[in-house]
Amino acid sequence: MQQKPNLIVLLGATASGKTALGVQMAMALNGEIISADSRQVYRGMNIGSGKDLEEYGQVPYHLIDIVDPGYEYNVFEFQRDFCAAFAEINRNGHLPMLVGGTGLYLESILRDYQFTAVPENPELRERLAPASHEELIQQLLSLNPNLHNTTDTLDRTRLLRAIEIAQAEKDGLAPAITLPAINPVIFGIRWPRPELKERITARLKQRLEQGLIEEVERLHQEGVSWASLHFYGLEYRFVAAYLQGELNRNDMYQKLNAAIHTFSKQQEKWFRRMERKGTTIHWLDGGTPMLEKVMAVLR
């Protein structure tokens, strides 16, 4: 007899409509939503990260607004917080639903990636202090040839931290998180590329009208550095460049719009790679009765 699913996953590219469908699914399945979005964890970053909190209604959600901007939340912490949310939802007698588009977060759960909690290593940092950025990258790759998160190589602070973690793992000093046993059913929303492009552009215009520029300005005034905003995603990066006078408003809009389109292609590429690695995704065509298809698959 087939085991009953204990986790429903909904993924898709940016602007594909994950939140709206996720809420419909949660209402139909007595579920609670766990966000798999690397930016929605940050308080006060609402418009640029597309939280759309008004869509949730009475549906409980988790891993949204849990840390302050400026803090560097990571995939290890996501795994830890996922475990806590999964357990709480089960205690509530509800069905956990993982909804989002951050491929690394999704795969860290579905493929049980082993990430670790590692304290700072002052001796190692002192030894690495004279090394160039390129030398640090080579050091990291020598410790971890199968690097998942290449953003760690862009910034020296993140690079040093990644080397610290990789060295601790190599030395056997890093305890990993034990994820719960899951039997997931995975759904994905897909749109024809021209329609997704229209949705992305329309949503960007809407976010600018809703106060995206003012949100980024406020975050900086509250102490979030321009450098930190650069790492919080495309909307924050390009609007920060505009606020610093590096781009005029039209160039900011055009470049940001193009960058989001490119990002959505990268997300879709990640999901195709997940399928090639053996993950079964039940695809739902945007603009069709998607909830009906979901319920038919689950039946």
C-alpha atoms as a PDB file:
ATOM      1  CA  MET A   1       0.000   0.000   0.000  1.00  0.00           C
ATOM      2  CA  GLN A   2       1.356   3.433  -0.983  1.00  0.00           C
ATOM      3  CA  GLN A   3       2.492   5.587   1.936  1.00  0.00           C
ATOM      4  CA  LYS A   4       0.370   8.676   2.543  1.00  0.00           C
ATOM      5  CA  PRO A   5       2.222  11.946   1.767  1.00  0.00           C
ATOM      6  CA  ASN A   6       3.227  13.926   4.862  1.00  0.00           C
ATOM      7  CA  LEU A   7       4.546  16.973   2.961  1.00  0.00           C
ATOM      8  CA  ILE A   8       3.118  18.835  -0.028  1.00  0.00           C
ATOM      9  CA  VAL A   9       5.605  20.965  -1.987  1.00  0.00           C
ATOM     10  CA  LEU A  10       4.685  23.781  -4.388  1.00  0.00           C
ATOM     11  CA  LEU A  11       7.471  25.382  -6.405  1.00  0.00           C
ATOM     12  CA  GLY A  12       7.701  27.665  -9.410  1.00  0.00           C
ATOM     13  CA  ALA A  13       9.518  30.640 -10.867  1.00  0.00           C
ATOM     14  CA  THR A  14       9.024  34.162  -9.576  1.00  0.00           C
ATOM     15  CA  ALA A  15       5.593  35.674 -10.434  1.00  0.00           C
ATOM     16  CA  SER A  16       4.132  32.249 -11.266  1.00  0.00           C
ATOM     17  CA  GLY A  17       1.409  32.519  -8.598  1.00  0.00           C
ATOM     18  CA  LYS A  18       2.734  30.207  -5.880  1.00  0.00           C
ATOM     19  CA  THR A  19       1.320  32.092  -2.906  1.00  0.00           C
ATOM     20  CA  ALA A  20      -2.248  32.276  -4.270  1.00  0.00           C
ATOM     21  CA  LEU A  21      -2.333  28.582  -5.211  1.00  0.00           C
ATOM     22  CA  GLY A  22      -0.528  27.557  -2.006  1.00  0.00           C
ATOM     23  CA  VAL A  23      -3.224  29.272   0.065  1.00  0.00           C
ATOM     24  CA  GLN A  24      -5.992  27.559  -1.954  1.00  0.00           C
ATOM     25  CA  MET A  25      -4.281  24.194  -1.450  1.00  0.00           C
ATOM     26  CA  ALA A  26      -3.818  24.798   2.286  1.00  0.00           C
ATOM     27  CA  MET A  27      -7.504  25.643   2.680  1.00  0.00           C
ATOM     28  CA  ALA A  28      -8.542  22.520   0.746  1.00  0.00           C
ATOM     29  CA  LEU A  29      -6.097  20.193   2.529  1.00  0.00           C
ATOM     30  CA  ASN A  30      -6.175  21.599   6.089  1.00  0.00           C
ATOM     31  CA  GLY A  31      -2.575  22.674   5.641  1.00  0.00           C
ATOM     32  CA  GLU A  32      -0.114  25.203   7.013  1.00  0.00           C
ATOM     33  CA  ILE A  33       2.468  26.836   4.766  1.00  0.00           C
ATOM     34  CA  ILE A  34       6.226  26.765   5.334  1.00  0.00           C
ATOM     35  CA  SER A  35       7.875  29.394   3.142  1.00  0.00           C
ATOM     36  CA  ALA A  36      10.876  28.269   1.072  1.00  0.00           C
ATOM     37  CA  ASP A  37      11.953  31.781   0.129  1.00  0.00           C
ATOM     38  CA  SER A  38      15.380  33.033   1.148  1.00  0.00           C
ATOM     39  CA  ARG A  39      14.226  36.671   1.436  1.00  0.00           C
ATOM     40  CA  GLN A  40      10.826  36.410   3.059  1.00  0.00           C
ATOM     41  CA  VAL A  41      12.509  35.465   6.337  1.00  0.00           C
ATOM     42  CA  TYR A  42      13.449  39.157   6.780  1.00  0.00           C
ATOM     43  CA  ARG A  43      11.181  41.522   8.692  1.00  0.00           C
ATOM     44  CA  GLY A  44      10.315  44.756   6.898  1.00  0.00           C
ATOM     45  CA  MET A  45      11.343  43.458   3.470  1.00  0.00           C
ATOM     46  CA  ASN A  46       7.777  43.017   2.243  1.00  0.00           C
ATOM     47  CA  ILE A  47       7.355  44.520  -1.212  1.00  0.00           C
ATOM     48  CA  GLY A  48      10.711  43.552  -2.701  1.00  0.00           C
ATOM     49  CA  SER A  49      10.453  39.960  -1.468  1.00  0.00           C
ATOM     50  CA  GLY A  50       6.820  39.575  -2.592  1.00  0.00           C
ATOM     51  CA  LYS A  51       5.388  38.358   0.713  1.00  0.00           C
ATOM     52  CA  ASP A  52       1.783  39.159  -0.271  1.00  0.00           C
ATOM     53  CA  LEU A  53       0.728  38.493   3.336  1.00  0.00           C
ATOM     54  CA  GLU A  54      -2.816  39.701   2.674  1.00  0.00           C
ATOM     55  CA  GLU A  55      -3.348  36.597   0.500  1.00  0.00           C
ATOM     56  CA  TYR A  56      -2.931  34.154   3.401  1.00  0.00           C
ATOM     57  CA  GLY A  57      -6.181  35.039   5.161  1.00  0.00           C
ATOM     58  CA  GLN A  58      -6.693  32.476   7.949  1.00  0.00           C
ATOM     59  CA  VAL A  59      -4.014  30.072   6.654  1.00  0.00           C
ATOM     60  CA  PRO A  60      -1.105  29.807   9.150  1.00  0.00           C
ATOM     61  CA  TYR A  61       2.375  30.397   7.718  1.00  0.00           C
ATOM     62  CA  HIS A  62       5.916  29.797   8.948  1.00  0.00           C
ATOM     63  CA  LEU A  63       9.468  31.100   8.233  1.00  0.00           C
ATOM     64  CA  ILE A  64       8.258  34.550   7.189  1.00  0.00           C
ATOM     65  CA  ASP A  65       9.403  37.611   9.201  1.00  0.00           C
ATOM     66  CA  ILE A  66      11.674  35.645  11.539  1.00  0.00           C
ATOM     67  CA  VAL A  67      14.972  37.637  11.400  1.00  0.00           C
ATOM     68  CA  ASP A  68      15.947  41.290  11.068  1.00  0.00           C
ATOM     69  CA  PRO A  69      17.483  42.764   7.893  1.00  0.00           C
ATOM     70  CA  GLY A  70      21.262  42.858   8.133  1.00  0.00           C
ATOM     71  CA  TYR A  71      21.392  39.331   9.540  1.00  0.00           C
ATOM     72  CA  GLU A  72      22.790  36.700   7.157  1.00  0.00           C
ATOM     73  CA  TYR A  73      20.271  33.865   7.318  1.00  0.00           C
ATOM     74  CA  ASN A  74      21.566  30.653   5.749  1.00  0.00           C
ATOM     75  CA  VAL A  75      20.407  27.273   4.486  1.00  0.00           C
ATOM     76  CA  PHE A  76      21.523  25.478   7.675  1.00  0.00           C
ATOM     77  CA  GLU A  77      19.229  27.720   9.702  1.00  0.00           C
ATOM     78  CA  PHE A  78      16.465  27.138   7.162  1.00  0.00           C
ATOM     79  CA  GLN A  79      16.764  23.362   7.671  1.00  0.00           C
ATOM     80  CA  ARG A  80      16.684  23.816  11.448  1.00  0.00           C
ATOM     81  CA  ASP A  81      13.659  26.117  11.277  1.00  0.00           C
ATOM     82  CA  PHE A  82      11.914  23.833   8.777  1.00  0.00           C
ATOM     83  CA  CYS A  83      12.230  20.953  11.266  1.00  0.00           C
ATOM     84  CA  ALA A  84      10.656  23.041  14.030  1.00  0.00           C
ATOM     85  CA  ALA A  85       7.813  24.226  11.789  1.00  0.00           C
ATOM     86  CA  PHE A  86       7.184  20.707  10.434  1.00  0.00           C
ATOM     87  CA  ALA A  87       6.914  19.344  13.980  1.00  0.00           C
ATOM     88  CA  GLU A  88       4.612  22.172  15.112  1.00  0.00           C
ATOM     89  CA  ILE A  89       2.266  21.703  12.131  1.00  0.00           C
ATOM     90  CA  ASN A  90       2.053  17.988  12.837  1.00  0.00           C
ATOM     91  CA  ARG A  91       1.258  18.724  16.498  1.00  0.00           C
ATOM     92  CA  ASN A  92      -1.547  20.961  15.242  1.00  0.00           C
ATOM     93  CA  GLY A  93      -2.934  18.020  13.288  1.00  0.00           C
ATOM     94  CA  HIS A  94      -2.436  19.831   9.980  1.00  0.00           C
ATOM     95  CA  LEU A  95      -0.582  19.029   6.740  1.00  0.00           C
ATOM     96  CA  PRO A  96       2.819  20.731   6.215  1.00  0.00           C
ATOM     97  CA  MET A  97       3.131  22.492   2.852  1.00  0.00           C
ATOM     98  CA  LEU A  98       6.488  23.789   1.623  1.00  0.00           C
ATOM     99  CA  VAL A  99       5.896  26.673  -0.820  1.00  0.00           C
ATOM    100  CA  GLY A 100       8.554  28.755  -2.546  1.00  0.00           C
ATOM    101  CA  GLY A 101      11.039  29.250  -5.332  1.00  0.00           C
ATOM    102  CA  THR A 102      14.475  29.135  -3.664  1.00  0.00           C
ATOM    103  CA  GLY A 103      15.869  25.988  -5.261  1.00  0.00           C
ATOM    104  CA  LEU A 104      18.631  25.462  -2.702  1.00  0.00           C
ATOM    105  CA  TYR A 105      16.177  25.635   0.211  1.00  0.00           C
ATOM    106  CA  LEU A 106      13.780  23.209  -1.484  1.00  0.00           C
ATOM    107  CA  GLU A 107      16.510  20.718  -2.370  1.00  0.00           C
ATOM    108  CA  SER A 108      18.094  20.954   1.067  1.00  0.00           C
ATOM    109  CA  ILE A 109      14.911  19.351   2.404  1.00  0.00           C
ATOM    110  CA  LEU A 110      13.980  17.060  -0.490  1.00  0.00           C
ATOM    111  CA  ARG A 111      17.506  15.671  -0.898  1.00  0.00           C
ATOM    112  CA  ASP A 112      18.555  15.920   2.769  1.00  0.00           C
ATOM    113  CA  TYR A 113      21.622  18.099   2.223  1.00  0.00           C
ATOM    114  CA  GLN A 114      23.967  17.950   5.204  1.00  0.00           C
ATOM    115  CA  PHE A 115      24.716  21.456   6.451  1.00  0.00           C
ATOM    116  CA  THR A 116      26.275  22.178   9.810  1.00  0.00           C
ATOM    117  CA  ALA A 117      26.507  24.583  12.750  1.00  0.00           C
ATOM    118  CA  VAL A 118      30.108  25.740  13.156  1.00  0.00           C
ATOM    119  CA  PRO A 119      31.504  28.356  15.599  1.00  0.00           C
ATOM    120  CA  GLU A 120      33.995  30.968  14.386  1.00  0.00           C
ATOM    121  CA  ASN A 121      37.620  29.833  14.207  1.00  0.00           C
ATOM    122  CA  PRO A 122      39.865  32.848  15.070  1.00  0.00           C
ATOM    123  CA  GLU A 123      43.099  30.924  14.383  1.00  0.00           C
ATOM    124  CA  LEU A 124      41.948  29.915  10.904  1.00  0.00           C
ATOM    125  CA  ARG A 125      40.801  33.461  10.122  1.00  0.00           C
ATOM    126  CA  GLU A 126      44.143  34.888  11.243  1.00  0.00           C
ATOM    127  CA  ARG A 127      45.970  32.396   9.035  1.00  0.00           C
ATOM    128  CA  LEU A 128      43.797  33.306   6.033  1.00  0.00           C
ATOM    129  CA  ALA A 129      43.979  37.082   6.548  1.00  0.00           C
ATOM    130  CA  PRO A 130      46.867  37.672   4.064  1.00  0.00           C
ATOM    131  CA  ALA A 131      45.277  35.524   1.318  1.00  0.00           C
ATOM    132  CA  SER A 132      43.830  37.163  -1.797  1.00  0.00           C
ATOM    133  CA  HIS A 133      40.193  36.712  -2.763  1.00  0.00           C
ATOM    134  CA  GLU A 134      41.161  34.278  -5.522  1.00  0.00           C
ATOM    135  CA  GLU A 135      43.330  32.252  -3.128  1.00  0.00           C
ATOM    136  CA  LEU A 136      40.396  32.000  -0.710  1.00  0.00           C
ATOM    137  CA  ILE A 137      38.137  30.700  -3.488  1.00  0.00           C
ATOM    138  CA  GLN A 138      40.715  28.023  -4.345  1.00  0.00           C
ATOM    139  CA  GLN A 139      40.990  27.118  -0.650  1.00  0.00           C
ATOM    140  CA  LEU A 140      37.205  26.700  -0.430  1.00  0.00           C
ATOM    141  CA  LEU A 141      37.040  24.596  -3.590  1.00  0.00           C
ATOM    142  CA  SER A 142      39.843  22.361  -2.346  1.00  0.00           C
ATOM    143  CA  LEU A 143      37.799  21.707   0.823  1.00  0.00           C
ATOM    144  CA  ASN A 144      34.414  21.499  -0.918  1.00  0.00           C
ATOM    145  CA  PRO A 145      34.651  20.624  -4.638  1.00  0.00           C
ATOM    146  CA  ASN A 146      30.842  20.178  -4.849  1.00  0.00           C
ATOM    147  CA  LEU A 147      30.002  23.697  -3.700  1.00  0.00           C
ATOM    148  CA  HIS A 148      26.192  24.271  -3.713  1.00  0.00           C
ATOM    149  CA  ASN A 149      26.083  27.977  -2.900  1.00  0.00           C
ATOM    150  CA  THR A 150      28.375  29.946  -5.230  1.00  0.00           C
ATOM    151  CA  THR A 151      27.199  33.283  -3.753  1.00  0.00           C
ATOM    152  CA  ASP A 152      29.622  32.501  -0.915  1.00  0.00           C
ATOM    153  CA  THR A 153      32.486  33.226  -3.326  1.00  0.00           C
ATOM    154  CA  LEU A 154      31.343  36.804  -4.094  1.00  0.00           C
ATOM    155  CA  ASP A 155      32.011  38.416  -0.737  1.00  0.00           C
ATOM    156  CA  ARG A 156      35.149  37.980   1.398  1.00  0.00           C
ATOM    157  CA  THR A 157      33.231  37.708   4.689  1.00  0.00           C
ATOM    158  CA  ARG A 158      30.969  34.975   3.329  1.00  0.00           C
ATOM    159  CA  LEU A 159      33.954  33.271   1.737  1.00  0.00           C
ATOM    160  CA  LEU A 160      35.851  33.105   5.024  1.00  0.00           C
ATOM    161  CA  ARG A 161      32.759  31.722   6.740  1.00  0.00           C
ATOM    162  CA  ALA A 162      32.319  29.066   4.038  1.00  0.00           C
ATOM    163  CA  ILE A 163      35.966  27.975   4.449  1.00  0.00           C
ATOM    164  CA  GLU A 164      35.462  27.805   8.220  1.00  0.00           C
ATOM    165  CA  ILE A 165      32.458  25.510   7.792  1.00  0.00           C
ATOM    166  CA  ALA A 166      34.126  23.348   5.136  1.00  0.00           C
ATOM    167  CA  GLN A 167      37.229  22.905   7.311  1.00  0.00           C
ATOM    168  CA  ALA A 168      35.136  21.920  10.344  1.00  0.00           C
ATOM    169  CA  GLU A 169      33.233  19.386   8.230  1.00  0.00           C
ATOM    170  CA  LYS A 170      36.499  17.932   6.963  1.00  0.00           C
ATOM    171  CA  ASP A 171      37.792  17.684  10.530  1.00  0.00           C
ATOM    172  CA  GLY A 172      34.587  15.967  11.672  1.00  0.00           C
ATOM    173  CA  LEU A 173      33.722  18.782  14.094  1.00  0.00           C
ATOM    174  CA  ALA A 174      30.398  19.818  12.563  1.00  0.00           C
ATOM    175  CA  PRO A 175      27.126  18.246  13.777  1.00  0.00           C
ATOM    176  CA  ALA A 176      24.493  18.067  11.013  1.00  0.00           C
ATOM    177  CA  ILE A 177      20.737  18.462  11.333  1.00  0.00           C
ATOM    178  CA  THR A 178      18.604  15.324  11.261  1.00  0.00           C
ATOM    179  CA  LEU A 179      15.630  16.052   9.028  1.00  0.00           C
ATOM    180  CA  PRO A 180      12.277  14.328   9.618  1.00  0.00           C
ATOM    181  CA  ALA A 181      11.344  11.381   7.393  1.00  0.00           C
ATOM    182  CA  ILE A 182       9.282  12.851   4.574  1.00  0.00           C
ATOM    183  CA  ASN A 183       7.114  11.380   1.839  1.00  0.00           C
ATOM    184  CA  PRO A 184       6.535  14.440  -0.341  1.00  0.00           C
ATOM    185  CA  VAL A 185       4.295  15.098  -3.328  1.00  0.00           C
ATOM    186  CA  ILE A 186       5.759  17.927  -5.382  1.00  0.00           C
ATOM    187  CA  PHE A 187       3.812  20.304  -7.620  1.00  0.00           C
ATOM    188  CA  GLY A 188       5.206  23.016  -9.860  1.00  0.00           C
ATOM    189  CA  ILE A 189       3.531  25.932 -11.641  1.00  0.00           C
ATOM    190  CA  ARG A 190       4.666  26.660 -15.175  1.00  0.00           C
ATOM    191  CA  TRP A 191       3.670  29.292 -17.718  1.00  0.00           C
ATOM    192  CA  PRO A 192       4.617  29.754 -21.383  1.00  0.00           C
ATOM    193  CA  ARG A 193       7.671  32.038 -21.395  1.00  0.00           C
ATOM    194  CA  PRO A 194       5.878  35.042 -23.043  1.00  0.00           C
ATOM    195  CA  GLU A 195       3.092  34.934 -20.443  1.00  0.00           C
ATOM    196  CA  LEU A 196       5.533  34.627 -17.536  1.00  0.00           C
ATOM    197  CA  LYS A 197       7.469  37.621 -18.895  1.00  0.00           C
ATOM    198  CA  GLU A 198       4.241  39.648 -18.945  1.00  0.00           C
ATOM    199  CA  ARG A 199       3.459  38.600 -15.362  1.00  0.00           C
ATOM    200  CA  ILE A 200       6.972  39.544 -14.176  1.00  0.00           C
ATOM    201  CA  THR A 201       6.833  42.982 -15.797  1.00  0.00           C
ATOM    202  CA  ALA A 202       3.310  43.682 -14.509  1.00  0.00           C
ATOM    203  CA  ARG A 203       4.298  42.661 -10.986  1.00  0.00           C
ATOM    204  CA  LEU A 204       7.419  44.848 -11.022  1.00  0.00           C
ATOM    205  CA  LYS A 205       5.345  47.876 -12.062  1.00  0.00           C
ATOM    206  CA  GLN A 206       2.880  47.057  -9.268  1.00  0.00           C
ATOM    207  CA  ARG A 207       5.664  46.805  -6.681  1.00  0.00           C
ATOM    208  CA  LEU A 208       7.101  50.157  -7.705  1.00  0.00           C
ATOM    209  CA  GLU A 209       3.609  51.688  -7.363  1.00  0.00           C
ATOM    210  CA  GLN A 210       3.213  50.029  -3.939  1.00  0.00           C
ATOM    211  CA  GLY A 211       6.383  51.713  -2.624  1.00  0.00           C
ATOM    212  CA  LEU A 212       9.352  49.456  -3.419  1.00  0.00           C
ATOM    213  CA  ILE A 213      11.746  52.412  -3.667  1.00  0.00           C
ATOM    214  CA  GLU A 214      10.509  53.824  -0.360  1.00  0.00           C
ATOM    215  CA  GLU A 215      10.922  50.399   1.279  1.00  0.00           C
ATOM    216  CA  VAL A 216      14.587  50.168   0.235  1.00  0.00           C
ATOM    217  CA  GLU A 217      15.187  53.752   1.345  1.00  0.00           C
ATOM    218  CA  ARG A 218      13.646  52.996   4.752  1.00  0.00           C
ATOM    219  CA  LEU A 219      15.734  49.842   5.193  1.00  0.00           C
ATOM    220  CA  HIS A 220      18.918  51.829   4.561  1.00  0.00           C
ATOM    221  CA  GLN A 221      17.825  54.596   6.941  1.00  0.00           C
ATOM    222  CA  GLU A 222      17.238  51.909   9.589  1.00  0.00           C
ATOM    223  CA  GLY A 223      20.840  50.781   9.298  1.00  0.00           C
ATOM    224  CA  VAL A 224      20.939  48.142   6.552  1.00  0.00           C
ATOM    225  CA  SER A 225      24.090  48.876   4.537  1.00  0.00           C
ATOM    226  CA  TRP A 226      24.076  49.270   0.754  1.00  0.00           C
ATOM    227  CA  ALA A 227      26.407  46.252   0.616  1.00  0.00           C
ATOM    228  CA  SER A 228      23.902  44.115   2.549  1.00  0.00           C
ATOM    229  CA  LEU A 229      21.040  45.256   0.318  1.00  0.00           C
ATOM    230  CA  HIS A 230      23.071  44.048  -2.663  1.00  0.00           C
ATOM    231  CA  PHE A 231      22.780  40.470  -1.345  1.00  0.00           C
ATOM    232  CA  TYR A 232      19.036  40.605  -0.617  1.00  0.00           C
ATOM    233  CA  GLY A 233      17.999  40.043  -4.214  1.00  0.00           C
ATOM    234  CA  LEU A 234      17.566  41.910  -7.452  1.00  0.00           C
ATOM    235  CA  GLU A 235      14.893  44.396  -6.376  1.00  0.00           C
ATOM    236  CA  TYR A 236      16.984  45.596  -3.427  1.00  0.00           C
ATOM    237  CA  ARG A 237      20.221  45.603  -5.448  1.00  0.00           C
ATOM    238  CA  PHE A 238      18.967  47.724  -8.352  1.00  0.00           C
ATOM    239  CA  VAL A 239      16.853  50.112  -6.282  1.00  0.00           C
ATOM    240  CA  ALA A 240      19.839  50.634  -3.955  1.00  0.00           C
ATOM    241  CA  ALA A 241      21.963  51.499  -7.011  1.00  0.00           C
ATOM    242  CA  TYR A 242      19.288  54.016  -8.073  1.00  0.00           C
ATOM    243  CA  LEU A 243      19.152  55.565  -4.586  1.00  0.00           C
ATOM    244  CA  GLN A 244      22.929  55.925  -4.592  1.00  0.00           C
ATOM    245  CA  GLY A 245      22.791  57.762  -7.930  1.00  0.00           C
ATOM    246  CA  GLU A 246      24.448  54.955  -9.899  1.00  0.00           C
ATOM    247  CA  LEU A 247      21.399  54.520 -12.173  1.00  0.00           C
ATOM    248  CA  ASN A 248      18.606  56.836 -13.256  1.00  0.00           C
ATOM    249  CA  ARG A 249      15.048  55.668 -12.645  1.00  0.00           C
ATOM    250  CA  ASN A 250      14.383  54.443 -16.184  1.00  0.00           C
ATOM    251  CA  ASP A 251      17.663  52.496 -16.350  1.00  0.00           C
ATOM    252  CA  MET A 252      16.949  51.011 -12.925  1.00  0.00           C
ATOM    253  CA  TYR A 253      13.535  49.808 -14.088  1.00  0.00           C
ATOM    254  CA  GLN A 254      14.780  48.409 -17.413  1.00  0.00           C
ATOM    255  CA  LYS A 255      17.816  46.653 -15.935  1.00  0.00           C
ATOM    256  CA  LEU A 256      15.840  45.279 -12.982  1.00  0.00           C
ATOM    257  CA  ASN A 257      13.082  43.976 -15.244  1.00  0.00           C
ATOM    258  CA  ALA A 258      15.622  42.227 -17.497  1.00  0.00           C
ATOM    259  CA  ALA A 259      17.462  40.785 -14.480  1.00  0.00           C
ATOM    260  CA  ILE A 260      14.258  39.304 -13.002  1.00  0.00           C
ATOM    261  CA  HIS A 261      13.480  37.653 -16.358  1.00  0.00           C
ATOM    262  CA  THR A 262      16.969  36.110 -16.353  1.00  0.00           C
ATOM    263  CA  PHE A 263      16.531  35.005 -12.739  1.00  0.00           C
ATOM    264  CA  SER A 264      13.236  33.258 -13.571  1.00  0.00           C
ATOM    265  CA  LYS A 265      15.026  31.303 -16.313  1.00  0.00           C
ATOM    266  CA  GLN A 266      17.672  30.257 -13.756  1.00  0.00           C
ATOM    267  CA  GLN A 267      14.921  29.060 -11.403  1.00  0.00           C
ATOM    268  CA  GLU A 268      13.331  26.983 -14.170  1.00  0.00           C
ATOM    269  CA  LYS A 269      16.735  25.561 -15.043  1.00  0.00           C
ATOM    270  CA  TRP A 270      17.203  24.564 -11.368  1.00  0.00           C
ATOM    271  CA  PHE A 271      13.824  22.785 -11.336  1.00  0.00           C
ATOM    272  CA  ARG A 272      14.673  20.901 -14.559  1.00  0.00           C
ATOM    273  CA  ARG A 273      17.930  19.815 -12.948  1.00  0.00           C
ATOM    274  CA  MET A 274      15.981  18.571  -9.915  1.00  0.00           C
ATOM    275  CA  GLU A 275      13.929  16.404 -12.283  1.00  0.00           C
ATOM    276  CA  ARG A 276      17.056  15.049 -13.970  1.00  0.00           C
ATOM    277  CA  LYS A 277      18.349  14.072 -10.517  1.00  0.00           C
ATOM    278  CA  GLY A 278      15.219  12.002  -9.877  1.00  0.00           C
ATOM    279  CA  THR A 279      12.715  14.424  -8.290  1.00  0.00           C
ATOM    280  CA  THR A 280       9.177  13.887  -9.618  1.00  0.00           C
ATOM    281  CA  ILE A 281       7.371  17.199 -10.157  1.00  0.00           C
ATOM    282  CA  HIS A 282       3.687  17.271 -11.121  1.00  0.00           C
ATOM    283  CA  TRP A 283       3.470  20.319 -13.386  1.00  0.00           C
ATOM    284  CA  LEU A 284       0.432  22.587 -13.316  1.00  0.00           C
ATOM    285  CA  ASP A 285      -0.233  24.909 -16.254  1.00  0.00           C
ATOM    286  CA  GLY A 286      -0.829  28.477 -15.126  1.00  0.00           C
ATOM    287  CA  GLY A 287      -4.213  29.867 -16.116  1.00  0.00           C
ATOM    288  CA  THR A 288      -5.907  26.444 -15.870  1.00  0.00           C
ATOM    289  CA  PRO A 289      -7.917  25.018 -12.896  1.00  0.00           C
ATOM    290  CA  MET A 290      -4.721  24.135 -11.009  1.00  0.00           C
ATOM    291  CA  LEU A 291      -6.372  23.220  -7.693  1.00  0.00           C
ATOM    292  CA  GLU A 292      -8.512  20.606  -9.475  1.00  0.00           C
ATOM    293  CA  LYS A 293      -5.365  19.041 -10.931  1.00  0.00           C
ATOM    294  CA  VAL A 294      -3.720  19.027  -7.488  1.00  0.00           C
ATOM    295  CA  MET A 295      -6.666  17.259  -5.899  1.00  0.00           C
ATOM    296  CA  ALA A 296      -6.823  14.732  -8.757  1.00  0.00           C
ATOM    297  CA  VAL A 297      -3.139  13.862  -8.335  1.00  0.00           C
ATOM    298  CA  LEU A 298      -3.547  13.476  -4.556  1.00  0.00           C
ATOM    299  CA  ARG A 299      -6.596  11.253  -4.993  1.00  0.00           C
END
